[in-house]
Amino acid sequence: MLFETLFRNLQPRLFAYCCKYVDDKEMARDLVQECFINFWENQDSVTLSPEAYLFTSVRNRCLSYIRSQKVRSDYHESVRLQIREFEFHPDTPDPVLELYMKEVKDLLNVALNSLPPRSRQIFIMSRFQGLKNTEIANQLNISVRTVESQLYQALKHIKKHLKDYFPLIGLLFNLQ
């Protein structure tokens, strides 16, 4: 009962505190939740007051999250620069870029394979075979509006599953 009361009293304040560090509200909720779970699992060994422990824990998780986002951002920027370099010198092989491209293509294939069959077919016809919406509609005996709707849903699905890679995928496969 004490933990439940502690959670009800502190969670809104911890969430607001976390939002000062992290712009993403869902991530802030997750970070606060992780701190409460950690507190619950280690409450016997906590020497600080629960409030002090939780605020310190939230701050530390936020800082760790910010550092990891910075590393991820730096990595993506590095890959973008390598792609630009590749565009200027396309004949020069770059094993790191090739590995990254393979990873991105594999992730894209996983996302495509999780689409409904008709959406996947329409997406492939549009983006990989280069067909126009009217051509796809004629080949599949469906309306152009259905093709547009299916493409929209497919892109939404892919963006959701590959949000960290999407700028690069858009560059490589013209998905925007």
N, C-alpha and C. Protein backbone atom coordinates (compact mmCIF):
# COMPACT_ATOMS: atom_id res chain seq x y z
N MET A 1 0.83 -1.20 0.00
CA MET A 1 0.00 0.00 0.00
C MET A 1 0.86 1.25 0.00
N LEU A 2 1.99 1.25 0.69
CA LEU A 2 2.88 2.39 0.75
C LEU A 2 3.42 2.72 -0.66
N PHE A 3 3.81 1.70 -1.41
CA PHE A 3 4.35 1.92 -2.75
C PHE A 3 3.28 2.55 -3.65
N GLU A 4 2.06 2.06 -3.57
CA GLU A 4 0.97 2.60 -4.39
C GLU A 4 0.73 4.08 -4.07
N THR A 5 0.74 4.44 -2.83
CA THR A 5 0.58 5.83 -2.41
C THR A 5 1.76 6.67 -2.92
N LEU A 6 2.94 6.14 -2.77
CA LEU A 6 4.14 6.82 -3.25
C LEU A 6 4.04 7.07 -4.76
N PHE A 7 3.60 6.05 -5.48
CA PHE A 7 3.46 6.17 -6.93
C PHE A 7 2.44 7.26 -7.28
N ARG A 8 1.27 7.21 -6.68
CA ARG A 8 0.22 8.19 -6.97
C ARG A 8 0.67 9.62 -6.66
N ASN A 9 1.42 9.79 -5.57
CA ASN A 9 1.85 11.13 -5.16
C ASN A 9 3.02 11.66 -5.99
N LEU A 10 3.96 10.79 -6.33
CA LEU A 10 5.18 11.26 -6.99
C LEU A 10 5.17 11.16 -8.52
N GLN A 11 4.40 10.26 -9.07
CA GLN A 11 4.46 10.04 -10.51
C GLN A 11 4.21 11.32 -11.32
N PRO A 12 3.18 12.12 -11.02
CA PRO A 12 2.98 13.35 -11.81
C PRO A 12 4.17 14.32 -11.71
N ARG A 13 4.72 14.47 -10.53
CA ARG A 13 5.87 15.38 -10.35
C ARG A 13 7.11 14.85 -11.06
N LEU A 14 7.33 13.54 -10.96
CA LEU A 14 8.48 12.95 -11.64
C LEU A 14 8.33 13.04 -13.16
N PHE A 15 7.11 12.85 -13.63
CA PHE A 15 6.85 12.97 -15.07
C PHE A 15 7.14 14.40 -15.53
N ALA A 16 6.66 15.40 -14.81
CA ALA A 16 6.91 16.81 -15.16
C ALA A 16 8.41 17.10 -15.12
N TYR A 17 9.09 16.58 -14.12
CA TYR A 17 10.54 16.76 -13.99
C TYR A 17 11.26 16.13 -15.18
N CYS A 18 10.84 14.94 -15.54
CA CYS A 18 11.45 14.22 -16.66
C CYS A 18 11.22 14.98 -17.97
N CYS A 19 10.06 15.57 -18.14
CA CYS A 19 9.74 16.32 -19.37
C CYS A 19 10.63 17.54 -19.54
N LYS A 20 11.24 18.02 -18.47
CA LYS A 20 12.18 19.14 -18.59
C LYS A 20 13.45 18.70 -19.31
N TYR A 21 13.77 17.42 -19.22
CA TYR A 21 14.95 16.87 -19.89
C TYR A 21 14.61 16.27 -21.25
N VAL A 22 13.47 15.59 -21.32
CA VAL A 22 13.12 14.79 -22.50
C VAL A 22 11.87 15.38 -23.15
N ASP A 23 11.95 15.69 -24.43
CA ASP A 23 10.82 16.30 -25.15
C ASP A 23 9.70 15.31 -25.46
N ASP A 24 10.04 14.06 -25.59
CA ASP A 24 9.07 13.02 -25.96
C ASP A 24 8.30 12.56 -24.72
N LYS A 25 7.00 12.85 -24.67
CA LYS A 25 6.19 12.52 -23.49
C LYS A 25 6.09 11.02 -23.25
N GLU A 26 5.98 10.24 -24.32
CA GLU A 26 5.92 8.78 -24.15
C GLU A 26 7.23 8.25 -23.56
N MET A 27 8.33 8.78 -24.04
CA MET A 27 9.62 8.36 -23.51
C MET A 27 9.74 8.79 -22.05
N ALA A 28 9.28 9.99 -21.73
CA ALA A 28 9.32 10.47 -20.34
C ALA A 28 8.51 9.53 -19.44
N ARG A 29 7.33 9.12 -19.91
CA ARG A 29 6.51 8.17 -19.12
C ARG A 29 7.28 6.86 -18.91
N ASP A 30 7.90 6.37 -19.97
CA ASP A 30 8.64 5.12 -19.88
C ASP A 30 9.81 5.24 -18.90
N LEU A 31 10.53 6.35 -18.97
CA LEU A 31 11.68 6.53 -18.08
C LEU A 31 11.24 6.58 -16.61
N VAL A 32 10.16 7.30 -16.34
CA VAL A 32 9.65 7.37 -14.97
C VAL A 32 9.20 5.99 -14.52
N GLN A 33 8.51 5.28 -15.39
CA GLN A 33 8.04 3.93 -15.07
C GLN A 33 9.23 3.00 -14.75
N GLU A 34 10.29 3.10 -15.54
CA GLU A 34 11.47 2.29 -15.29
C GLU A 34 12.07 2.60 -13.92
N CYS A 35 12.06 3.87 -13.55
CA CYS A 35 12.60 4.26 -12.24
C CYS A 35 11.77 3.68 -11.10
N PHE A 36 10.45 3.69 -11.26
CA PHE A 36 9.60 3.09 -10.23
C PHE A 36 9.82 1.59 -10.14
N ILE A 37 9.97 0.95 -11.27
CA ILE A 37 10.23 -0.50 -11.26
C ILE A 37 11.56 -0.78 -10.57
N ASN A 38 12.57 0.00 -10.92
CA ASN A 38 13.88 -0.18 -10.29
C ASN A 38 13.79 0.05 -8.78
N PHE A 39 13.04 1.07 -8.38
CA PHE A 39 12.86 1.34 -6.95
C PHE A 39 12.16 0.15 -6.27
N TRP A 40 11.11 -0.36 -6.90
CA TRP A 40 10.36 -1.48 -6.35
C TRP A 40 11.27 -2.70 -6.16
N GLU A 41 12.10 -2.97 -7.17
CA GLU A 41 12.97 -4.14 -7.12
C GLU A 41 14.10 -3.99 -6.10
N ASN A 42 14.51 -2.75 -5.82
CA ASN A 42 15.67 -2.52 -4.95
C ASN A 42 15.33 -1.73 -3.69
N GLN A 43 14.06 -1.65 -3.33
CA GLN A 43 13.66 -0.79 -2.21
C GLN A 43 14.31 -1.18 -0.89
N ASP A 44 14.67 -2.44 -0.72
CA ASP A 44 15.30 -2.86 0.53
C ASP A 44 16.72 -2.30 0.68
N SER A 45 17.37 -2.04 -0.43
CA SER A 45 18.75 -1.54 -0.37
C SER A 45 18.85 -0.03 -0.56
N VAL A 46 17.72 0.66 -0.71
CA VAL A 46 17.73 2.11 -0.89
C VAL A 46 17.98 2.78 0.45
N THR A 47 19.01 3.64 0.49
CA THR A 47 19.36 4.33 1.74
C THR A 47 18.82 5.75 1.79
N LEU A 48 18.47 6.31 0.64
CA LEU A 48 17.90 7.66 0.59
C LEU A 48 16.41 7.60 0.86
N SER A 49 15.81 8.76 1.01
CA SER A 49 14.35 8.78 1.09
C SER A 49 13.82 8.35 -0.27
N PRO A 50 12.64 7.74 -0.33
CA PRO A 50 12.10 7.30 -1.62
C PRO A 50 12.01 8.46 -2.63
N GLU A 51 11.61 9.62 -2.16
CA GLU A 51 11.48 10.78 -3.06
C GLU A 51 12.84 11.18 -3.63
N ALA A 52 13.84 11.30 -2.78
CA ALA A 52 15.18 11.67 -3.24
C ALA A 52 15.73 10.62 -4.20
N TYR A 53 15.53 9.35 -3.85
CA TYR A 53 16.01 8.27 -4.70
C TYR A 53 15.36 8.35 -6.09
N LEU A 54 14.04 8.52 -6.12
CA LEU A 54 13.32 8.54 -7.40
C LEU A 54 13.69 9.76 -8.25
N PHE A 55 13.81 10.93 -7.65
CA PHE A 55 14.19 12.10 -8.42
C PHE A 55 15.61 11.96 -8.98
N THR A 56 16.50 11.44 -8.17
CA THR A 56 17.87 11.21 -8.64
C THR A 56 17.89 10.17 -9.75
N SER A 57 17.12 9.13 -9.58
CA SER A 57 17.04 8.07 -10.57
C SER A 57 16.47 8.59 -11.89
N VAL A 58 15.42 9.41 -11.82
CA VAL A 58 14.83 9.97 -13.03
C VAL A 58 15.85 10.87 -13.74
N ARG A 59 16.52 11.73 -12.97
CA ARG A 59 17.52 12.61 -13.57
C ARG A 59 18.61 11.80 -14.27
N ASN A 60 19.11 10.77 -13.61
CA ASN A 60 20.17 9.95 -14.20
C ASN A 60 19.70 9.22 -15.44
N ARG A 61 18.47 8.71 -15.41
CA ARG A 61 17.94 8.02 -16.61
C ARG A 61 17.77 9.00 -17.75
N CYS A 62 17.31 10.19 -17.44
CA CYS A 62 17.15 11.21 -18.49
C CYS A 62 18.50 11.55 -19.12
N LEU A 63 19.49 11.75 -18.30
CA LEU A 63 20.82 12.08 -18.82
C LEU A 63 21.38 10.93 -19.65
N SER A 64 21.16 9.72 -19.21
CA SER A 64 21.60 8.56 -19.97
C SER A 64 20.87 8.48 -21.31
N TYR A 65 19.58 8.74 -21.29
CA TYR A 65 18.78 8.73 -22.53
C TYR A 65 19.29 9.81 -23.49
N ILE A 66 19.55 11.00 -22.97
CA ILE A 66 20.04 12.11 -23.80
C ILE A 66 21.39 11.74 -24.43
N ARG A 67 22.27 11.13 -23.64
CA ARG A 67 23.57 10.70 -24.18
C ARG A 67 23.38 9.67 -25.29
N SER A 68 22.49 8.71 -25.08
CA SER A 68 22.28 7.67 -26.09
C SER A 68 21.68 8.27 -27.37
N GLN A 69 20.80 9.26 -27.22
CA GLN A 69 20.23 9.94 -28.39
C GLN A 69 21.33 10.69 -29.14
N LYS A 70 22.24 11.30 -28.40
CA LYS A 70 23.35 12.04 -29.03
C LYS A 70 24.23 11.07 -29.81
N VAL A 71 24.54 9.93 -29.23
CA VAL A 71 25.36 8.93 -29.91
C VAL A 71 24.64 8.45 -31.17
N ARG A 72 23.34 8.18 -31.06
CA ARG A 72 22.56 7.72 -32.21
C ARG A 72 22.55 8.79 -33.30
N SER A 73 22.35 10.03 -32.90
CA SER A 73 22.33 11.14 -33.86
C SER A 73 23.69 11.29 -34.54
N ASP A 74 24.75 11.21 -33.77
CA ASP A 74 26.10 11.31 -34.34
C ASP A 74 26.35 10.16 -35.32
N TYR A 75 25.88 8.97 -34.99
CA TYR A 75 26.05 7.81 -35.86
C TYR A 75 25.31 8.02 -37.18
N HIS A 76 24.06 8.48 -37.09
CA HIS A 76 23.28 8.70 -38.32
C HIS A 76 23.91 9.80 -39.17
N GLU A 77 24.43 10.83 -38.53
CA GLU A 77 25.10 11.90 -39.28
C GLU A 77 26.34 11.36 -39.97
N SER A 78 27.07 10.51 -39.29
CA SER A 78 28.26 9.90 -39.88
C SER A 78 27.88 9.08 -41.11
N VAL A 79 26.80 8.33 -41.02
CA VAL A 79 26.36 7.52 -42.15
C VAL A 79 25.91 8.42 -43.30
N ARG A 80 25.19 9.50 -42.98
CA ARG A 80 24.78 10.44 -44.03
C ARG A 80 26.00 11.02 -44.76
N LEU A 81 27.03 11.37 -44.00
CA LEU A 81 28.24 11.90 -44.62
C LEU A 81 28.91 10.85 -45.49
N GLN A 82 28.90 9.61 -45.04
CA GLN A 82 29.49 8.54 -45.85
C GLN A 82 28.70 8.34 -47.13
N ILE A 83 27.39 8.47 -47.05
CA ILE A 83 26.57 8.34 -48.25
C ILE A 83 26.87 9.47 -49.22
N ARG A 84 27.00 10.68 -48.70
CA ARG A 84 27.36 11.80 -49.57
C ARG A 84 28.71 11.55 -50.24
N GLU A 85 29.66 11.06 -49.46
CA GLU A 85 30.97 10.75 -50.00
C GLU A 85 30.84 9.68 -51.09
N PHE A 86 29.98 8.70 -50.83
CA PHE A 86 29.75 7.64 -51.80
C PHE A 86 29.14 8.21 -53.08
N GLU A 87 28.25 9.20 -52.94
CA GLU A 87 27.63 9.81 -54.12
C GLU A 87 28.68 10.51 -54.98
N PHE A 88 29.71 11.10 -54.34
CA PHE A 88 30.76 11.78 -55.09
C PHE A 88 31.76 10.79 -55.69
N HIS A 89 31.94 9.66 -55.03
CA HIS A 89 32.89 8.65 -55.48
C HIS A 89 32.21 7.28 -55.50
N PRO A 90 31.26 7.06 -56.41
CA PRO A 90 30.47 5.82 -56.38
C PRO A 90 31.26 4.55 -56.67
N ASP A 91 32.43 4.68 -57.28
CA ASP A 91 33.21 3.48 -57.61
C ASP A 91 34.08 3.00 -56.47
N THR A 92 34.21 3.81 -55.42
CA THR A 92 35.05 3.44 -54.28
C THR A 92 34.22 2.64 -53.28
N PRO A 93 34.54 1.37 -53.07
CA PRO A 93 33.77 0.57 -52.12
C PRO A 93 34.02 1.01 -50.68
N ASP A 94 32.97 1.00 -49.89
CA ASP A 94 33.07 1.35 -48.47
C ASP A 94 32.39 0.25 -47.68
N PRO A 95 33.15 -0.60 -47.00
CA PRO A 95 32.55 -1.75 -46.30
C PRO A 95 31.57 -1.34 -45.20
N VAL A 96 31.84 -0.22 -44.51
CA VAL A 96 30.93 0.22 -43.45
C VAL A 96 29.59 0.62 -44.05
N LEU A 97 29.65 1.39 -45.14
CA LEU A 97 28.42 1.82 -45.80
C LEU A 97 27.65 0.61 -46.35
N GLU A 98 28.38 -0.32 -46.93
CA GLU A 98 27.72 -1.52 -47.47
C GLU A 98 27.03 -2.32 -46.37
N LEU A 99 27.67 -2.44 -45.22
CA LEU A 99 27.08 -3.15 -44.09
C LEU A 99 25.84 -2.42 -43.60
N TYR A 100 25.93 -1.09 -43.48
CA TYR A 100 24.78 -0.30 -43.04
C TYR A 100 23.64 -0.42 -44.04
N MET A 101 23.96 -0.35 -45.32
CA MET A 101 22.92 -0.49 -46.37
C MET A 101 22.25 -1.85 -46.27
N LYS A 102 23.02 -2.89 -46.03
CA LYS A 102 22.44 -4.22 -45.88
C LYS A 102 21.51 -4.27 -44.68
N GLU A 103 21.95 -3.67 -43.57
CA GLU A 103 21.11 -3.64 -42.36
C GLU A 103 19.80 -2.91 -42.62
N VAL A 104 19.89 -1.77 -43.28
CA VAL A 104 18.69 -0.99 -43.57
C VAL A 104 17.77 -1.76 -44.51
N LYS A 105 18.33 -2.38 -45.52
CA LYS A 105 17.50 -3.17 -46.45
C LYS A 105 16.83 -4.34 -45.73
N ASP A 106 17.57 -5.00 -44.83
CA ASP A 106 16.98 -6.10 -44.06
C ASP A 106 15.83 -5.62 -43.20
N LEU A 107 16.02 -4.47 -42.53
CA LEU A 107 14.95 -3.92 -41.70
C LEU A 107 13.74 -3.51 -42.55
N LEU A 108 14.01 -2.96 -43.72
CA LEU A 108 12.92 -2.59 -44.62
C LEU A 108 12.15 -3.84 -45.06
N ASN A 109 12.88 -4.91 -45.37
CA ASN A 109 12.21 -6.15 -45.76
C ASN A 109 11.35 -6.71 -44.64
N VAL A 110 11.82 -6.62 -43.40
CA VAL A 110 11.02 -7.08 -42.27
C VAL A 110 9.74 -6.26 -42.18
N ALA A 111 9.87 -4.94 -42.32
CA ALA A 111 8.70 -4.06 -42.26
C ALA A 111 7.75 -4.37 -43.42
N LEU A 112 8.28 -4.58 -44.61
CA LEU A 112 7.44 -4.89 -45.77
C LEU A 112 6.72 -6.22 -45.58
N ASN A 113 7.43 -7.21 -45.05
CA ASN A 113 6.82 -8.52 -44.86
C ASN A 113 5.75 -8.53 -43.77
N SER A 114 5.74 -7.52 -42.92
CA SER A 114 4.70 -7.45 -41.91
C SER A 114 3.46 -6.68 -42.39
N LEU A 115 3.52 -6.18 -43.64
CA LEU A 115 2.34 -5.51 -44.23
C LEU A 115 1.34 -6.55 -44.69
N PRO A 116 0.05 -6.17 -44.78
CA PRO A 116 -0.92 -7.06 -45.42
C PRO A 116 -0.49 -7.31 -46.87
N PRO A 117 -0.80 -8.48 -47.43
CA PRO A 117 -0.31 -8.83 -48.77
C PRO A 117 -0.65 -7.79 -49.85
N ARG A 118 -1.87 -7.26 -49.87
CA ARG A 118 -2.25 -6.31 -50.91
C ARG A 118 -1.47 -5.01 -50.76
N SER A 119 -1.32 -4.53 -49.55
CA SER A 119 -0.54 -3.30 -49.31
C SER A 119 0.91 -3.49 -49.74
N ARG A 120 1.48 -4.64 -49.40
CA ARG A 120 2.86 -4.93 -49.78
C ARG A 120 3.00 -4.95 -51.30
N GLN A 121 2.06 -5.60 -51.97
CA GLN A 121 2.11 -5.69 -53.43
C GLN A 121 2.03 -4.30 -54.07
N ILE A 122 1.12 -3.48 -53.60
CA ILE A 122 0.96 -2.13 -54.14
C ILE A 122 2.21 -1.30 -53.87
N PHE A 123 2.75 -1.41 -52.66
CA PHE A 123 3.95 -0.65 -52.32
C PHE A 123 5.11 -1.05 -53.23
N ILE A 124 5.32 -2.33 -53.42
CA ILE A 124 6.42 -2.81 -54.27
C ILE A 124 6.23 -2.35 -55.70
N MET A 125 5.01 -2.42 -56.19
CA MET A 125 4.74 -1.97 -57.55
C MET A 125 5.03 -0.48 -57.70
N SER A 126 4.70 0.29 -56.70
CA SER A 126 4.89 1.73 -56.76
C SER A 126 6.36 2.12 -56.56
N ARG A 127 6.95 1.65 -55.49
CA ARG A 127 8.28 2.15 -55.12
C ARG A 127 9.44 1.40 -55.76
N PHE A 128 9.28 0.11 -56.00
CA PHE A 128 10.39 -0.66 -56.55
C PHE A 128 10.27 -0.90 -58.05
N GLN A 129 9.03 -0.99 -58.54
CA GLN A 129 8.84 -1.20 -59.97
C GLN A 129 8.58 0.12 -60.70
N GLY A 130 8.35 1.19 -59.95
CA GLY A 130 8.20 2.52 -60.54
C GLY A 130 6.88 2.75 -61.26
N LEU A 131 5.86 1.97 -60.95
CA LEU A 131 4.58 2.14 -61.63
C LEU A 131 3.80 3.31 -61.02
N LYS A 132 3.05 3.98 -61.85
CA LYS A 132 2.18 5.07 -61.40
C LYS A 132 0.92 4.47 -60.77
N ASN A 133 0.26 5.27 -59.96
CA ASN A 133 -0.94 4.78 -59.26
C ASN A 133 -2.00 4.30 -60.24
N THR A 134 -2.17 4.98 -61.36
CA THR A 134 -3.18 4.56 -62.35
C THR A 134 -2.79 3.21 -62.97
N GLU A 135 -1.50 3.00 -63.21
CA GLU A 135 -1.05 1.72 -63.77
C GLU A 135 -1.31 0.58 -62.78
N ILE A 136 -1.01 0.84 -61.50
CA ILE A 136 -1.25 -0.17 -60.47
C ILE A 136 -2.74 -0.49 -60.39
N ALA A 137 -3.57 0.56 -60.39
CA ALA A 137 -5.02 0.38 -60.31
C ALA A 137 -5.52 -0.45 -61.48
N ASN A 138 -5.03 -0.16 -62.67
CA ASN A 138 -5.45 -0.92 -63.86
C ASN A 138 -5.01 -2.38 -63.79
N GLN A 139 -3.79 -2.62 -63.36
CA GLN A 139 -3.28 -3.99 -63.29
C GLN A 139 -4.02 -4.83 -62.25
N LEU A 140 -4.41 -4.18 -61.13
CA LEU A 140 -5.05 -4.92 -60.04
C LEU A 140 -6.57 -4.81 -60.05
N ASN A 141 -7.11 -4.10 -61.02
CA ASN A 141 -8.56 -3.88 -61.12
C ASN A 141 -9.14 -3.29 -59.84
N ILE A 142 -8.49 -2.23 -59.36
CA ILE A 142 -8.99 -1.51 -58.19
C ILE A 142 -8.96 -0.02 -58.52
N SER A 143 -9.57 0.78 -57.67
CA SER A 143 -9.60 2.22 -57.93
C SER A 143 -8.26 2.87 -57.59
N VAL A 144 -8.01 4.00 -58.22
CA VAL A 144 -6.80 4.76 -57.93
C VAL A 144 -6.82 5.20 -56.47
N ARG A 145 -8.00 5.54 -55.98
CA ARG A 145 -8.14 5.96 -54.58
C ARG A 145 -7.73 4.82 -53.63
N THR A 146 -8.06 3.59 -53.96
CA THR A 146 -7.65 2.44 -53.15
C THR A 146 -6.13 2.30 -53.16
N VAL A 147 -5.52 2.49 -54.32
CA VAL A 147 -4.06 2.43 -54.42
C VAL A 147 -3.44 3.51 -53.53
N GLU A 148 -3.97 4.73 -53.61
CA GLU A 148 -3.44 5.83 -52.80
C GLU A 148 -3.58 5.53 -51.31
N SER A 149 -4.73 5.01 -50.93
CA SER A 149 -4.98 4.67 -49.53
C SER A 149 -4.03 3.57 -49.05
N GLN A 150 -3.85 2.55 -49.86
CA GLN A 150 -2.96 1.44 -49.49
C GLN A 150 -1.50 1.92 -49.39
N LEU A 151 -1.08 2.79 -50.30
CA LEU A 151 0.27 3.35 -50.23
C LEU A 151 0.45 4.19 -48.97
N TYR A 152 -0.56 4.99 -48.65
CA TYR A 152 -0.49 5.81 -47.45
C TYR A 152 -0.34 4.93 -46.21
N GLN A 153 -1.15 3.88 -46.11
CA GLN A 153 -1.08 2.98 -44.96
C GLN A 153 0.26 2.25 -44.90
N ALA A 154 0.77 1.84 -46.06
CA ALA A 154 2.06 1.15 -46.09
C ALA A 154 3.18 2.08 -45.63
N LEU A 155 3.18 3.31 -46.12
CA LEU A 155 4.21 4.27 -45.72
C LEU A 155 4.13 4.58 -44.23
N LYS A 156 2.92 4.72 -43.73
CA LYS A 156 2.72 4.98 -42.31
C LYS A 156 3.29 3.81 -41.48
N HIS A 157 3.02 2.60 -41.92
CA HIS A 157 3.51 1.40 -41.24
C HIS A 157 5.05 1.35 -41.26
N ILE A 158 5.63 1.60 -42.40
CA ILE A 158 7.09 1.55 -42.54
C ILE A 158 7.74 2.65 -41.72
N LYS A 159 7.17 3.86 -41.76
CA LYS A 159 7.72 4.96 -40.96
C LYS A 159 7.70 4.63 -39.48
N LYS A 160 6.62 4.00 -39.04
CA LYS A 160 6.50 3.65 -37.62
C LYS A 160 7.56 2.61 -37.23
N HIS A 161 7.76 1.62 -38.07
CA HIS A 161 8.69 0.53 -37.73
C HIS A 161 10.15 0.92 -37.92
N LEU A 162 10.41 1.90 -38.78
CA LEU A 162 11.79 2.25 -39.09
C LEU A 162 12.07 3.73 -38.83
N LYS A 163 11.44 4.27 -37.80
CA LYS A 163 11.53 5.72 -37.56
C LYS A 163 12.97 6.20 -37.39
N ASP A 164 13.83 5.40 -36.80
CA ASP A 164 15.21 5.83 -36.61
C ASP A 164 16.02 5.82 -37.91
N TYR A 165 15.58 5.03 -38.87
CA TYR A 165 16.31 4.90 -40.12
C TYR A 165 15.62 5.63 -41.28
N PHE A 166 14.43 6.16 -41.05
CA PHE A 166 13.63 6.63 -42.16
C PHE A 166 14.28 7.71 -43.02
N PRO A 167 14.98 8.69 -42.46
CA PRO A 167 15.61 9.68 -43.35
C PRO A 167 16.55 9.02 -44.37
N LEU A 168 17.31 8.03 -43.91
CA LEU A 168 18.22 7.34 -44.81
C LEU A 168 17.45 6.48 -45.80
N ILE A 169 16.44 5.76 -45.35
CA ILE A 169 15.65 4.92 -46.24
C ILE A 169 14.97 5.77 -47.29
N GLY A 170 14.44 6.92 -46.87
CA GLY A 170 13.79 7.82 -47.82
C GLY A 170 14.78 8.27 -48.89
N LEU A 171 16.01 8.53 -48.49
CA LEU A 171 17.04 8.94 -49.43
C LEU A 171 17.36 7.81 -50.39
N LEU A 172 17.44 6.59 -49.87
CA LEU A 172 17.84 5.45 -50.70
C LEU A 172 16.73 4.96 -51.61
N PHE A 173 15.48 4.96 -51.10
CA PHE A 173 14.39 4.34 -51.83
C PHE A 173 13.30 5.30 -52.26
N ASN A 174 13.52 6.60 -52.06
CA ASN A 174 12.54 7.61 -52.46
C ASN A 174 11.15 7.32 -51.91
N LEU A 175 11.06 7.21 -50.57
CA LEU A 175 9.80 6.85 -49.91
C LEU A 175 8.98 8.08 -49.49
N GLN A 176 9.52 9.27 -49.49
CA GLN A 176 8.76 10.41 -49.01
C GLN A 176 7.66 10.66 -49.95
